[in-house]
C-alpha atoms as a PDB file:
ATOM      1  CA  MET A   1      14.108  10.876   0.156  1.00  0.00           C
ATOM      2  CA  LEU A   2      14.792   7.779  -2.060  1.00  0.00           C
ATOM      3  CA  THR A   3      12.628   5.048  -3.213  1.00  0.00           C
ATOM      4  CA  VAL A   4      13.718   1.846  -2.381  1.00  0.00           C
ATOM      5  CA  GLY A   5      14.290   2.302  -6.861  1.00  0.00           C
ATOM      6  CA  GLY A   6      16.162   5.083  -6.205  1.00  0.00           C
ATOM      7  CA  GLU A   7      14.253   7.852  -7.341  1.00  0.00           C
ATOM      8  CA  ALA A   8      13.675  11.115  -6.051  1.00  0.00           C
ATOM      9  CA  ARG A   9      10.294  11.249  -3.696  1.00  0.00           C
ATOM     10  CA  GLU A  10       9.304  14.301  -1.930  1.00  0.00           C
ATOM     11  CA  LEU A  11       9.089  13.973   1.839  1.00  0.00           C
ATOM     12  CA  THR A  12       5.361  14.653   2.838  1.00  0.00           C
ATOM     13  CA  ASP A  13       4.361  15.062   6.239  1.00  0.00           C
ATOM     14  CA  SER A  14       0.885  12.800   4.944  1.00  0.00           C
ATOM     15  CA  LEU A  15       4.017  10.181   3.885  1.00  0.00           C
ATOM     16  CA  VAL A  16       6.014  10.527   7.439  1.00  0.00           C
ATOM     17  CA  ARG A  17       2.640  10.466   9.278  1.00  0.00           C
ATOM     18  CA  HIS A  18       1.918   7.166   7.123  1.00  0.00           C
ATOM     19  CA  THR A  19       5.392   6.244   7.365  1.00  0.00           C
ATOM     20  CA  TYR A  20       5.392   6.011  10.877  1.00  0.00           C
ATOM     21  CA  ASN A  21       1.987   5.718  12.470  1.00  0.00           C
ATOM     22  CA  GLY A  22       0.296   3.954  10.018  1.00  0.00           C
ATOM     23  CA  GLU A  23      -2.107   6.728   8.789  1.00  0.00           C
ATOM     24  CA  PRO A  24      -3.910   6.340   5.290  1.00  0.00           C
ATOM     25  CA  LEU A  25      -1.807   8.457   2.640  1.00  0.00           C
ATOM     26  CA  ALA A  26      -4.419  11.493   2.150  1.00  0.00           C
ATOM     27  CA  GLU A  27      -5.872  10.679  -1.203  1.00  0.00           C
ATOM     28  CA  VAL A  28      -4.495  12.178  -4.524  1.00  0.00           C
ATOM     29  CA  ALA A  29      -5.793  11.596  -7.934  1.00  0.00           C
ATOM     30  CA  SER A  30      -4.560  13.628 -10.478  1.00  0.00           C
ATOM     31  CA  GLY A  31      -1.259  15.839 -10.605  1.00  0.00           C
ATOM     32  CA  PHE A  32       2.162  14.967 -10.538  1.00  0.00           C
ATOM     33  CA  LYS A  33       2.081  13.858  -7.108  1.00  0.00           C
ATOM     34  CA  ALA A  34      -0.776  10.948  -8.014  1.00  0.00           C
ATOM     35  CA  ALA A  35       1.611   9.717 -10.625  1.00  0.00           C
ATOM     36  CA  SER A  36       4.758   9.920  -8.654  1.00  0.00           C
ATOM     37  CA  LEU A  37       2.928   7.969  -6.129  1.00  0.00           C
ATOM     38  CA  CYS A  38       2.185   4.985  -9.003  1.00  0.00           C
ATOM     39  CA  TRP A  39       5.419   5.479 -10.339  1.00  0.00           C
ATOM     40  CA  ALA A  40       6.548   4.811  -6.526  1.00  0.00           C
ATOM     41  CA  ASP A  41       4.092   1.641  -7.049  1.00  0.00           C
ATOM     42  CA  VAL A  42       5.684   0.225 -10.268  1.00  0.00           C
ATOM     43  CA  THR A  43       8.996   0.644  -9.156  1.00  0.00           C
ATOM     44  CA  THR A  44       8.518  -1.385  -5.838  1.00  0.00           C
ATOM     45  CA  THR A  45       6.371  -4.073  -8.083  1.00  0.00           C
ATOM     46  CA  VAL A  46       9.603  -4.254 -10.542  1.00  0.00           C
ATOM     47  CA  GLU A  47      11.638  -5.297  -7.464  1.00  0.00           C
ATOM     48  CA  ALA A  48       9.435  -7.687  -5.997  1.00  0.00           C
ATOM     49  CA  LEU A  49       9.315  -9.353  -9.362  1.00  0.00           C
ATOM     50  CA  LYS A  50      13.200  -9.434  -9.550  1.00  0.00           C
ATOM     51  CA  LYS A  51      12.957 -10.585  -5.778  1.00  0.00           C
ATOM     52  CA  ALA A  52      11.044 -13.751  -6.587  1.00  0.00           C
ATOM     53  CA  VAL A  53      12.201 -14.657 -10.063  1.00  0.00           C
ATOM     54  CA  ALA A  54      15.364 -14.977  -7.680  1.00  0.00           C
ATOM     55  CA  SER A  55      13.558 -17.085  -5.270  1.00  0.00           C
ATOM     56  CA  MET A  56      12.098 -19.799  -7.597  1.00  0.00           C
ATOM     57  CA  THR A  57      15.878 -19.465  -8.945  1.00  0.00           C
ATOM     58  CA  MET A  58      16.776 -21.202  -5.393  1.00  0.00           C
ATOM     59  CA  VAL A  59      14.170 -23.685  -4.961  1.00  0.00           C
ATOM     60  CA  PRO A  60      16.307 -26.992  -5.296  1.00  0.00           C
ATOM     61  CA  ILE A  61      15.264 -29.905  -6.972  1.00  0.00           C
ATOM     62  CA  HIS A  62      15.283 -31.706  -3.894  1.00  0.00           C
ATOM     63  CA  ALA A  63      16.716 -30.656  -0.388  1.00  0.00           C
ATOM     64  CA  GLY A  64      19.989 -29.512  -0.815  1.00  0.00           C
ATOM     65  CA  GLY A  65      20.202 -30.420  -4.808  1.00  0.00           C
ATOM     66  CA  ALA A  66      20.841 -27.669  -8.427  1.00  0.00           C
ATOM     67  CA  SER A  67      17.792 -25.586  -9.497  1.00  0.00           C
ATOM     68  CA  LEU A  68      14.751 -26.800 -10.421  1.00  0.00           C
ATOM     69  CA  VAL A  69      14.275 -24.272 -12.991  1.00  0.00           C
ATOM     70  CA  GLU A  70      18.467 -24.365 -13.867  1.00  0.00           C
ATOM     71  CA  ARG A  71      18.205 -27.467 -14.579  1.00  0.00           C
ATOM     72  CA  ASP A  72      14.526 -28.318 -16.035  1.00  0.00           C
ATOM     73  CA  GLY A  73      13.511 -24.880 -17.068  1.00  0.00           C
ATOM     74  CA  TRP A  74      10.027 -24.029 -17.238  1.00  0.00           C
ATOM     75  CA  ASP A  75       7.264 -24.343 -18.915  1.00  0.00           C
ATOM     76  CA  SER A  76       7.671 -22.290 -22.505  1.00  0.00           C
ATOM     77  CA  VAL A  77       3.720 -21.542 -22.887  1.00  0.00           C
ATOM     78  CA  GLN A  78       3.899 -19.603 -19.503  1.00  0.00           C
ATOM     79  CA  ILE A  79       7.584 -18.135 -20.202  1.00  0.00           C
ATOM     80  CA  SER A  80       5.774 -16.545 -23.673  1.00  0.00           C
ATOM     81  CA  SER A  81       2.931 -15.644 -22.326  1.00  0.00           C
ATOM     82  CA  LEU A  82       4.490 -13.819 -19.232  1.00  0.00           C
ATOM     83  CA  ARG A  83       7.128 -11.870 -21.636  1.00  0.00           C
ATOM     84  CA  GLN A  84       5.023 -10.672 -24.138  1.00  0.00           C
ATOM     85  CA  ARG A  85       2.815  -9.300 -21.106  1.00  0.00           C
ATOM     86  CA  LEU A  86       6.464  -7.745 -19.653  1.00  0.00           C
ATOM     87  CA  ASP A  87       6.861  -6.490 -23.685  1.00  0.00           C
ATOM     88  CA  ARG A  88       3.901  -4.119 -23.572  1.00  0.00           C
ATOM     89  CA  ILE A  89       4.724  -2.764 -20.484  1.00  0.00           C
ATOM     90  CA  ASP A  90       8.216  -2.552 -21.772  1.00  0.00           C
ATOM     91  CA  ARG A  91       6.691  -0.709 -24.309  1.00  0.00           C
ATOM     92  CA  THR A  92       4.470   2.069 -22.652  1.00  0.00           C
ATOM     93  CA  LEU A  93       7.407   2.818 -20.089  1.00  0.00           C
ATOM     94  CA  ALA A  94       9.903   3.289 -23.446  1.00  0.00           C
ATOM     95  CA  ASN A  95       6.655   5.432 -25.165  1.00  0.00           C
ATOM     96  CA  TRP A  96       6.503   7.774 -21.495  1.00  0.00           C
ATOM     97  CA  ALA A  97      10.279   8.056 -22.125  1.00  0.00           C
ATOM     98  CA  ASP A  98      10.136   9.140 -25.445  1.00  0.00           C
ATOM     99  CA  ARG A  99       7.121  11.457 -24.761  1.00  0.00           C
ATOM    100  CA  TYR A 100       9.181  13.623 -21.485  1.00  0.00           C
ATOM    101  CA  ASP A 101      11.972  14.086 -23.991  1.00  0.00           C
ATOM    102  CA  ASP A 102      10.126  15.270 -26.817  1.00  0.00           C
ATOM    103  CA  LEU A 103       8.618  18.201 -24.448  1.00  0.00           C
ATOM    104  CA  ASP A 104      12.531  18.286 -22.660  1.00  0.00           C
ATOM    105  CA  GLU A 105      14.053  19.117 -25.785  1.00  0.00           C
ATOM    106  CA  SER A 106      10.674  21.513 -26.171  1.00  0.00           C
ATOM    107  CA  GLY A 107      11.123  23.234 -22.962  1.00  0.00           C
ATOM    108  CA  THR A 108       7.292  22.494 -21.637  1.00  0.00           C
ATOM    109  CA  GLN A 109       8.870  20.021 -19.531  1.00  0.00           C
ATOM    110  CA  GLU A 110       9.686  21.603 -16.333  1.00  0.00           C
ATOM    111  CA  SER A 111       6.342  23.868 -16.284  1.00  0.00           C
ATOM    112  CA  GLU A 112       3.853  21.213 -16.828  1.00  0.00           C
ATOM    113  CA  GLU A 113       5.860  18.877 -13.827  1.00  0.00           C
ATOM    114  CA  HIS A 114       5.479  21.406 -11.236  1.00  0.00           C
ATOM    115  CA  ALA A 115       2.139  22.625 -12.018  1.00  0.00           C
END
């Protein structure tokens, strides 16, 4: 099964029950499965952010008018603050990718992932 972000996700009994019956997902507190659930949340949140930015772009100055933010921009202090937060997230993700690649090159990633 693929997530909204196109990532592979294992189709488990609890996931199917959650999707079709609304049953809560079984709590997974550690390991690859727990991290995978968190990763699904990360990718969903990024998609929500993209949609929110697109929605904000569509807000007109007045009914039928041009985009307010495209004409007037947005408070640069607010933008800078958000960009700094996004940059820290970007660096965290880059560090994770570098760590994964380092382990993958040494051949240890496969065995740890499925432990």
